C-alpha atoms as a PDB file:
ATOM      1  CA  MET A   1       0.000   0.000   0.000  1.00  0.00           C
ATOM      2  CA  ILE A   2       2.723   2.474   0.965  1.00  0.00           C
ATOM      3  CA  ASP A   3       4.733   1.453  -2.102  1.00  0.00           C
ATOM      4  CA  VAL A   4       1.800   2.281  -4.398  1.00  0.00           C
ATOM      5  CA  LEU A   5       1.201   5.648  -2.726  1.00  0.00           C
ATOM      6  CA  PHE A   6       4.883   6.535  -2.922  1.00  0.00           C
ATOM      7  CA  THR A   7       4.995   5.566  -6.601  1.00  0.00           C
ATOM      8  CA  GLU A   8       1.994   7.807  -7.276  1.00  0.00           C
ATOM      9  CA  LEU A   9       3.689  10.623  -5.370  1.00  0.00           C
ATOM     10  CA  ILE A  10       6.839  10.197  -7.473  1.00  0.00           C
ATOM     11  CA  LEU A  11       4.789  10.281 -10.687  1.00  0.00           C
ATOM     12  CA  LYS A  12       2.972  13.461  -9.612  1.00  0.00           C
ATOM     13  CA  TYR A  13       6.263  15.106  -8.710  1.00  0.00           C
ATOM     14  CA  LEU A  14       7.894  14.168 -12.014  1.00  0.00           C
ATOM     15  CA  LYS A  15       4.902  15.478 -13.981  1.00  0.00           C
ATOM     16  CA  SER A  16       5.067  18.768 -12.070  1.00  0.00           C
ATOM     17  CA  GLN A  17       8.768  19.113 -12.970  1.00  0.00           C
ATOM     18  CA  LYS A  18       8.283  18.447 -16.690  1.00  0.00           C
ATOM     19  CA  LYS A  19       9.577  21.254 -18.859  1.00  0.00           C
ATOM     20  CA  ASP A  20       8.289  21.807 -22.363  1.00  0.00           C
ATOM     21  CA  ARG A  21      10.940  21.752 -25.048  1.00  0.00           C
ATOM     22  CA  ILE A  22      11.650  25.051 -26.750  1.00  0.00           C
ATOM     23  CA  ILE A  23      12.386  24.967 -30.465  1.00  0.00           C
ATOM     24  CA  GLY A  24      15.855  26.426 -30.970  1.00  0.00           C
ATOM     25  CA  VAL A  25      17.171  25.179 -27.618  1.00  0.00           C
ATOM     26  CA  TYR A  26      19.055  21.919 -28.067  1.00  0.00           C
ATOM     27  CA  TYR A  27      21.170  19.744 -25.808  1.00  0.00           C
ATOM     28  CA  PRO A  28      24.512  17.999 -26.427  1.00  0.00           C
ATOM     29  CA  SER A  29      22.988  14.606 -25.635  1.00  0.00           C
ATOM     30  CA  GLU A  30      20.758  15.000 -28.714  1.00  0.00           C
ATOM     31  CA  LEU A  31      23.653  15.367 -31.168  1.00  0.00           C
ATOM     32  CA  PRO A  32      24.021  11.658 -32.034  1.00  0.00           C
ATOM     33  CA  TRP A  33      20.322  11.308 -32.924  1.00  0.00           C
ATOM     34  CA  CYS A  34      18.871  11.776 -36.380  1.00  0.00           C
ATOM     35  CA  LEU A  35      17.097  15.046 -37.126  1.00  0.00           C
ATOM     36  CA  ARG A  36      13.742  13.307 -37.577  1.00  0.00           C
ATOM     37  CA  LYS A  37      13.848  11.903 -34.026  1.00  0.00           C
ATOM     38  CA  ILE A  38      14.768  15.302 -32.601  1.00  0.00           C
ATOM     39  CA  TYR A  39      11.980  16.951 -34.631  1.00  0.00           C
ATOM     40  CA  TYR A  40       9.400  14.484 -33.313  1.00  0.00           C
ATOM     41  CA  ASP A  41      10.658  14.907 -29.756  1.00  0.00           C
ATOM     42  CA  TYR A  42      10.162  18.661 -30.010  1.00  0.00           C
ATOM     43  CA  THR A  43       6.837  18.663 -31.867  1.00  0.00           C
ATOM     44  CA  ILE A  44       4.977  15.566 -30.717  1.00  0.00           C
ATOM     45  CA  GLY A  45       6.871  14.738 -27.558  1.00  0.00           C
ATOM     46  CA  LYS A  46       6.689  11.477 -25.693  1.00  0.00           C
ATOM     47  CA  ASP A  47       6.578  10.919 -21.965  1.00  0.00           C
ATOM     48  CA  LYS A  48       9.180   8.509 -20.726  1.00  0.00           C
ATOM     49  CA  ASP A  49       8.076   5.625 -18.540  1.00  0.00           C
ATOM     50  CA  LEU A  50       8.695   5.762 -14.789  1.00  0.00           C
ATOM     51  CA  GLU A  51      11.627   3.342 -14.904  1.00  0.00           C
ATOM     52  CA  SER A  52      13.467   5.462 -17.500  1.00  0.00           C
ATOM     53  CA  LYS A  53      12.858   8.608 -15.464  1.00  0.00           C
ATOM     54  CA  LEU A  54      14.181   6.970 -12.305  1.00  0.00           C
ATOM     55  CA  VAL A  55      17.298   5.767 -14.144  1.00  0.00           C
ATOM     56  CA  MET A  56      17.946   9.325 -15.358  1.00  0.00           C
ATOM     57  CA  ILE A  57      17.396  10.756 -11.873  1.00  0.00           C
ATOM     58  CA  SER A  58      19.791   8.245 -10.323  1.00  0.00           C
ATOM     59  CA  GLY A  59      22.370   9.086 -13.004  1.00  0.00           C
ATOM     60  CA  THR A  60      22.006  12.790 -12.256  1.00  0.00           C
ATOM     61  CA  LEU A  61      22.407  12.146  -8.526  1.00  0.00           C
ATOM     62  CA  MET A  62      25.507  10.019  -9.118  1.00  0.00           C
ATOM     63  CA  HIS A  63      26.998  12.707 -11.370  1.00  0.00           C
ATOM     64  CA  SER A  64      26.376  15.335  -8.698  1.00  0.00           C
ATOM     65  CA  PHE A  65      27.934  13.122  -6.014  1.00  0.00           C
ATOM     66  CA  ILE A  66      31.072  12.453  -8.070  1.00  0.00           C
ATOM     67  CA  SER A  67      31.365  16.159  -8.854  1.00  0.00           C
ATOM     68  CA  ASP A  68      31.183  16.968  -5.125  1.00  0.00           C
ATOM     69  CA  VAL A  69      33.849  14.357  -4.328  1.00  0.00           C
ATOM     70  CA  LEU A  70      36.186  15.764  -6.991  1.00  0.00           C
ATOM     71  CA  LYS A  71      35.665  19.321  -5.699  1.00  0.00           C
ATOM     72  CA  PHE A  72      36.476  18.073  -2.195  1.00  0.00           C
ATOM     73  CA  ALA A  73      39.600  16.335  -3.479  1.00  0.00           C
ATOM     74  CA  LYS A  74      40.704  19.566  -5.144  1.00  0.00           C
ATOM     75  CA  SER A  75      40.151  21.540  -1.927  1.00  0.00           C
ATOM     76  CA  GLU A  76      42.270  18.947  -0.084  1.00  0.00           C
ATOM     77  CA  GLY A  77      45.074  19.377  -2.612  1.00  0.00           C
ATOM     78  CA  ILE A  78      44.578  15.938  -4.121  1.00  0.00           C
ATOM     79  CA  ASP A  79      45.097  15.657  -7.875  1.00  0.00           C
ATOM     80  CA  ALA A  80      42.042  13.668  -8.951  1.00  0.00           C
ATOM     81  CA  GLN A  81      43.015  13.347 -12.607  1.00  0.00           C
END
């Protein structure tokens, strides 16, 4: 029961955070895709399923964590390259 309610809460939150794409504003991650796919993404759009969204969120969190660790290493005088 709690799992279902939490899943619904996550879905509501993700829908509230959805940003419409603006034609003329593109992202580096779109470069490898064909122009037709990008066109459809911007004109028709397609909501990603919950699992895909959660994978992207966890990737973003991991990226942020690693960035924080590297900044800390730099402040400690550790060469993290």
